[in-house]
Amino acid sequence: MGPSPDPYSAKELRSFCIDGPLRGILQNLADGNPHGRDPGKDAPYTYVDFILTTANTWKMPIEDFTLTVERSHRKDSLGDYVSFCWEGPVTKIDADHFSAHAINLVPAKELRIGFFHIRE
């Protein structure tokens, strides 16, 4: 993101399937101060990778798969966000918990969950 994005970082960010609202927030930070945002703010992120495709070596699909993701909150954060790619609906359980569910899951790829923290 920004005027001259690093190709590696851009590829990494695409692995999170960032939705429109979060993309806008991150783009505004990358661009500087287009809408009254402080150009001194940044959005570090961490992620967790889940290796799911090894389940394809089993004789059957994953019969009943439920993933629950909890959005973390950092003390120095002005805003905390979570993003990940999922084929199907993601249900917001409450303000900080999200659930993805699948029956007879045959994973086509690994799962990466990104956690973004807006800070000064």
C-alpha atoms as a PDB file:
ATOM      1  CA  MET A   1       0.000   0.000   0.000  1.00  0.00           C
ATOM      2  CA  GLY A   2       1.086   3.572  -0.390  1.00  0.00           C
ATOM      3  CA  PRO A   3       2.907   5.388  -3.183  1.00  0.00           C
ATOM      4  CA  SER A   4       5.677   2.776  -3.634  1.00  0.00           C
ATOM      5  CA  PRO A   5       4.646  -0.507  -1.999  1.00  0.00           C
ATOM      6  CA  ASP A   6       7.169  -3.243  -1.369  1.00  0.00           C
ATOM      7  CA  PRO A   7       6.233  -6.199  -3.647  1.00  0.00           C
ATOM      8  CA  TYR A   8       6.829  -8.744  -0.856  1.00  0.00           C
ATOM      9  CA  SER A   9       4.656  -6.817   1.617  1.00  0.00           C
ATOM     10  CA  ALA A  10       1.919  -6.369  -0.998  1.00  0.00           C
ATOM     11  CA  LYS A  11       1.849 -10.130  -1.626  1.00  0.00           C
ATOM     12  CA  GLU A  12       1.779 -10.793   2.106  1.00  0.00           C
ATOM     13  CA  LEU A  13      -1.091  -8.331   2.642  1.00  0.00           C
ATOM     14  CA  ARG A  14      -3.118 -10.023  -0.142  1.00  0.00           C
ATOM     15  CA  SER A  15      -2.842 -13.295   1.800  1.00  0.00           C
ATOM     16  CA  PHE A  16      -5.186 -11.807   4.449  1.00  0.00           C
ATOM     17  CA  CYS A  17      -8.116 -11.026   2.076  1.00  0.00           C
ATOM     18  CA  ILE A  18      -8.505  -7.560   3.583  1.00  0.00           C
ATOM     19  CA  ASP A  19     -12.063  -6.242   3.169  1.00  0.00           C
ATOM     20  CA  GLY A  20     -12.952  -2.788   1.827  1.00  0.00           C
ATOM     21  CA  PRO A  21     -13.276  -0.861   5.110  1.00  0.00           C
ATOM     22  CA  LEU A  22      -9.994  -2.177   6.541  1.00  0.00           C
ATOM     23  CA  ARG A  23      -8.257  -1.665   3.179  1.00  0.00           C
ATOM     24  CA  GLY A  24      -9.391   1.979   3.257  1.00  0.00           C
ATOM     25  CA  ILE A  25      -8.030   2.504   6.766  1.00  0.00           C
ATOM     26  CA  LEU A  26      -4.681   0.956   5.868  1.00  0.00           C
ATOM     27  CA  GLN A  27      -4.473   2.839   2.567  1.00  0.00           C
ATOM     28  CA  ASN A  28      -5.165   6.155   4.320  1.00  0.00           C
ATOM     29  CA  LEU A  29      -2.327   5.422   6.739  1.00  0.00           C
ATOM     30  CA  ALA A  30      -0.001   4.451   3.882  1.00  0.00           C
ATOM     31  CA  ASP A  31      -0.873   7.587   1.894  1.00  0.00           C
ATOM     32  CA  GLY A  32      -0.233   9.984   4.765  1.00  0.00           C
ATOM     33  CA  ASN A  33      -2.878  12.474   5.780  1.00  0.00           C
ATOM     34  CA  PRO A  34      -5.653  12.484   3.114  1.00  0.00           C
ATOM     35  CA  HIS A  35      -8.654  12.628   5.471  1.00  0.00           C
ATOM     36  CA  GLY A  36      -7.343  14.286   8.587  1.00  0.00           C
ATOM     37  CA  ARG A  37      -5.395  11.215   9.682  1.00  0.00           C
ATOM     38  CA  ASP A  38      -2.109  11.733  11.466  1.00  0.00           C
ATOM     39  CA  PRO A  39       0.741  10.777   9.128  1.00  0.00           C
ATOM     40  CA  GLY A  40       2.674   9.568  12.190  1.00  0.00           C
ATOM     41  CA  LYS A  41       0.354   6.597  12.665  1.00  0.00           C
ATOM     42  CA  ASP A  42       1.195   3.134  11.411  1.00  0.00           C
ATOM     43  CA  ALA A  43      -0.384  -0.304  11.367  1.00  0.00           C
ATOM     44  CA  PRO A  44       1.952  -3.099  12.355  1.00  0.00           C
ATOM     45  CA  TYR A  45       0.550  -6.564  11.945  1.00  0.00           C
ATOM     46  CA  THR A  46       1.183 -10.082  13.080  1.00  0.00           C
ATOM     47  CA  TYR A  47      -0.265 -13.278  11.743  1.00  0.00           C
ATOM     48  CA  VAL A  48      -0.882 -16.909  12.550  1.00  0.00           C
ATOM     49  CA  ASP A  49      -0.652 -19.602   9.883  1.00  0.00           C
ATOM     50  CA  PHE A  50      -2.723 -22.774  10.082  1.00  0.00           C
ATOM     51  CA  ILE A  51      -1.626 -25.733   7.980  1.00  0.00           C
ATOM     52  CA  LEU A  52      -4.903 -27.299   6.836  1.00  0.00           C
ATOM     53  CA  THR A  53      -4.012 -29.129   3.629  1.00  0.00           C
ATOM     54  CA  THR A  54      -2.389 -32.026   5.470  1.00  0.00           C
ATOM     55  CA  ALA A  55      -5.956 -33.086   6.267  1.00  0.00           C
ATOM     56  CA  ASN A  56      -6.229 -34.027   2.581  1.00  0.00           C
ATOM     57  CA  THR A  57      -4.086 -37.104   3.308  1.00  0.00           C
ATOM     58  CA  TRP A  58      -6.867 -38.474   5.480  1.00  0.00           C
ATOM     59  CA  LYS A  59      -9.340 -40.891   3.957  1.00  0.00           C
ATOM     60  CA  MET A  60     -12.226 -38.508   4.638  1.00  0.00           C
ATOM     61  CA  PRO A  61     -12.755 -34.740   4.704  1.00  0.00           C
ATOM     62  CA  ILE A  62     -12.880 -32.845   7.998  1.00  0.00           C
ATOM     63  CA  GLU A  63     -16.422 -33.742   8.987  1.00  0.00           C
ATOM     64  CA  ASP A  64     -17.264 -30.687  11.093  1.00  0.00           C
ATOM     65  CA  PHE A  65     -14.794 -27.785  11.220  1.00  0.00           C
ATOM     66  CA  THR A  66     -15.284 -24.635  13.313  1.00  0.00           C
ATOM     67  CA  LEU A  67     -12.737 -21.855  13.581  1.00  0.00           C
ATOM     68  CA  THR A  68     -13.164 -19.163  16.240  1.00  0.00           C
ATOM     69  CA  VAL A  69     -10.923 -16.101  15.975  1.00  0.00           C
ATOM     70  CA  GLU A  70     -10.520 -13.605  18.800  1.00  0.00           C
ATOM     71  CA  ARG A  71      -9.505 -10.036  17.990  1.00  0.00           C
ATOM     72  CA  SER A  72      -6.753  -8.959  20.352  1.00  0.00           C
ATOM     73  CA  HIS A  73      -6.436  -5.505  21.890  1.00  0.00           C
ATOM     74  CA  ARG A  74      -3.072  -3.889  22.529  1.00  0.00           C
ATOM     75  CA  LYS A  75      -2.672  -1.149  25.105  1.00  0.00           C
ATOM     76  CA  ASP A  76      -0.882   1.168  22.636  1.00  0.00           C
ATOM     77  CA  SER A  77      -3.393   0.556  19.854  1.00  0.00           C
ATOM     78  CA  LEU A  78      -5.856   3.123  18.501  1.00  0.00           C
ATOM     79  CA  GLY A  79      -7.718   0.386  16.625  1.00  0.00           C
ATOM     80  CA  ASP A  80      -7.462  -3.398  16.343  1.00  0.00           C
ATOM     81  CA  TYR A  81      -8.561  -5.444  13.331  1.00  0.00           C
ATOM     82  CA  VAL A  82      -8.495  -9.051  12.179  1.00  0.00           C
ATOM     83  CA  SER A  83      -8.683 -10.369   8.629  1.00  0.00           C
ATOM     84  CA  PHE A  84      -8.465 -13.777   6.928  1.00  0.00           C
ATOM     85  CA  CYS A  85      -9.547 -15.594   3.787  1.00  0.00           C
ATOM     86  CA  TRP A  86     -12.435 -18.026   4.174  1.00  0.00           C
ATOM     87  CA  GLU A  87     -14.635 -19.674   1.564  1.00  0.00           C
ATOM     88  CA  GLY A  88     -18.070 -19.141   3.047  1.00  0.00           C
ATOM     89  CA  PRO A  89     -19.702 -16.988   5.679  1.00  0.00           C
ATOM     90  CA  VAL A  90     -17.903 -15.643   8.727  1.00  0.00           C
ATOM     91  CA  THR A  91     -20.182 -14.939  11.659  1.00  0.00           C
ATOM     92  CA  LYS A  92     -19.490 -12.141  14.110  1.00  0.00           C
ATOM     93  CA  ILE A  93     -20.208 -13.709  17.517  1.00  0.00           C
ATOM     94  CA  ASP A  94     -19.590 -10.492  19.467  1.00  0.00           C
ATOM     95  CA  ALA A  95     -17.372  -7.405  19.177  1.00  0.00           C
ATOM     96  CA  ASP A  96     -14.155  -9.446  19.373  1.00  0.00           C
ATOM     97  CA  HIS A  97     -15.007 -12.991  18.221  1.00  0.00           C
ATOM     98  CA  PHE A  98     -15.613 -14.359  14.726  1.00  0.00           C
ATOM     99  CA  SER A  99     -16.580 -17.864  13.669  1.00  0.00           C
ATOM    100  CA  ALA A 100     -16.111 -19.736  10.396  1.00  0.00           C
ATOM    101  CA  HIS A 101     -17.710 -23.138   9.938  1.00  0.00           C
ATOM    102  CA  ALA A 102     -17.570 -25.858   7.309  1.00  0.00           C
ATOM    103  CA  ILE A 103     -18.997 -29.350   6.930  1.00  0.00           C
ATOM    104  CA  ASN A 104     -16.939 -31.979   5.057  1.00  0.00           C
ATOM    105  CA  LEU A 105     -14.052 -29.567   4.563  1.00  0.00           C
ATOM    106  CA  VAL A 106     -11.408 -30.516   2.012  1.00  0.00           C
ATOM    107  CA  PRO A 107      -8.872 -27.692   2.407  1.00  0.00           C
ATOM    108  CA  ALA A 108      -7.565 -26.248  -0.864  1.00  0.00           C
ATOM    109  CA  LYS A 109      -5.003 -23.960   0.824  1.00  0.00           C
ATOM    110  CA  GLU A 110      -3.509 -22.984   4.149  1.00  0.00           C
ATOM    111  CA  LEU A 111      -5.134 -20.373   6.378  1.00  0.00           C
ATOM    112  CA  ARG A 112      -3.415 -17.149   7.447  1.00  0.00           C
ATOM    113  CA  ILE A 113      -5.066 -14.880  10.014  1.00  0.00           C
ATOM    114  CA  GLY A 114      -3.781 -11.296  10.196  1.00  0.00           C
ATOM    115  CA  PHE A 115      -4.022  -9.046  13.229  1.00  0.00           C
ATOM    116  CA  PHE A 116      -3.619  -5.306  12.531  1.00  0.00           C
ATOM    117  CA  HIS A 117      -3.010  -2.674  15.205  1.00  0.00           C
ATOM    118  CA  ILE A 118      -3.296   1.049  14.420  1.00  0.00           C
ATOM    119  CA  ARG A 119      -0.879   3.010  16.593  1.00  0.00           C
ATOM    120  CA  GLU A 120       0.989   6.293  16.811  1.00  0.00           C
END
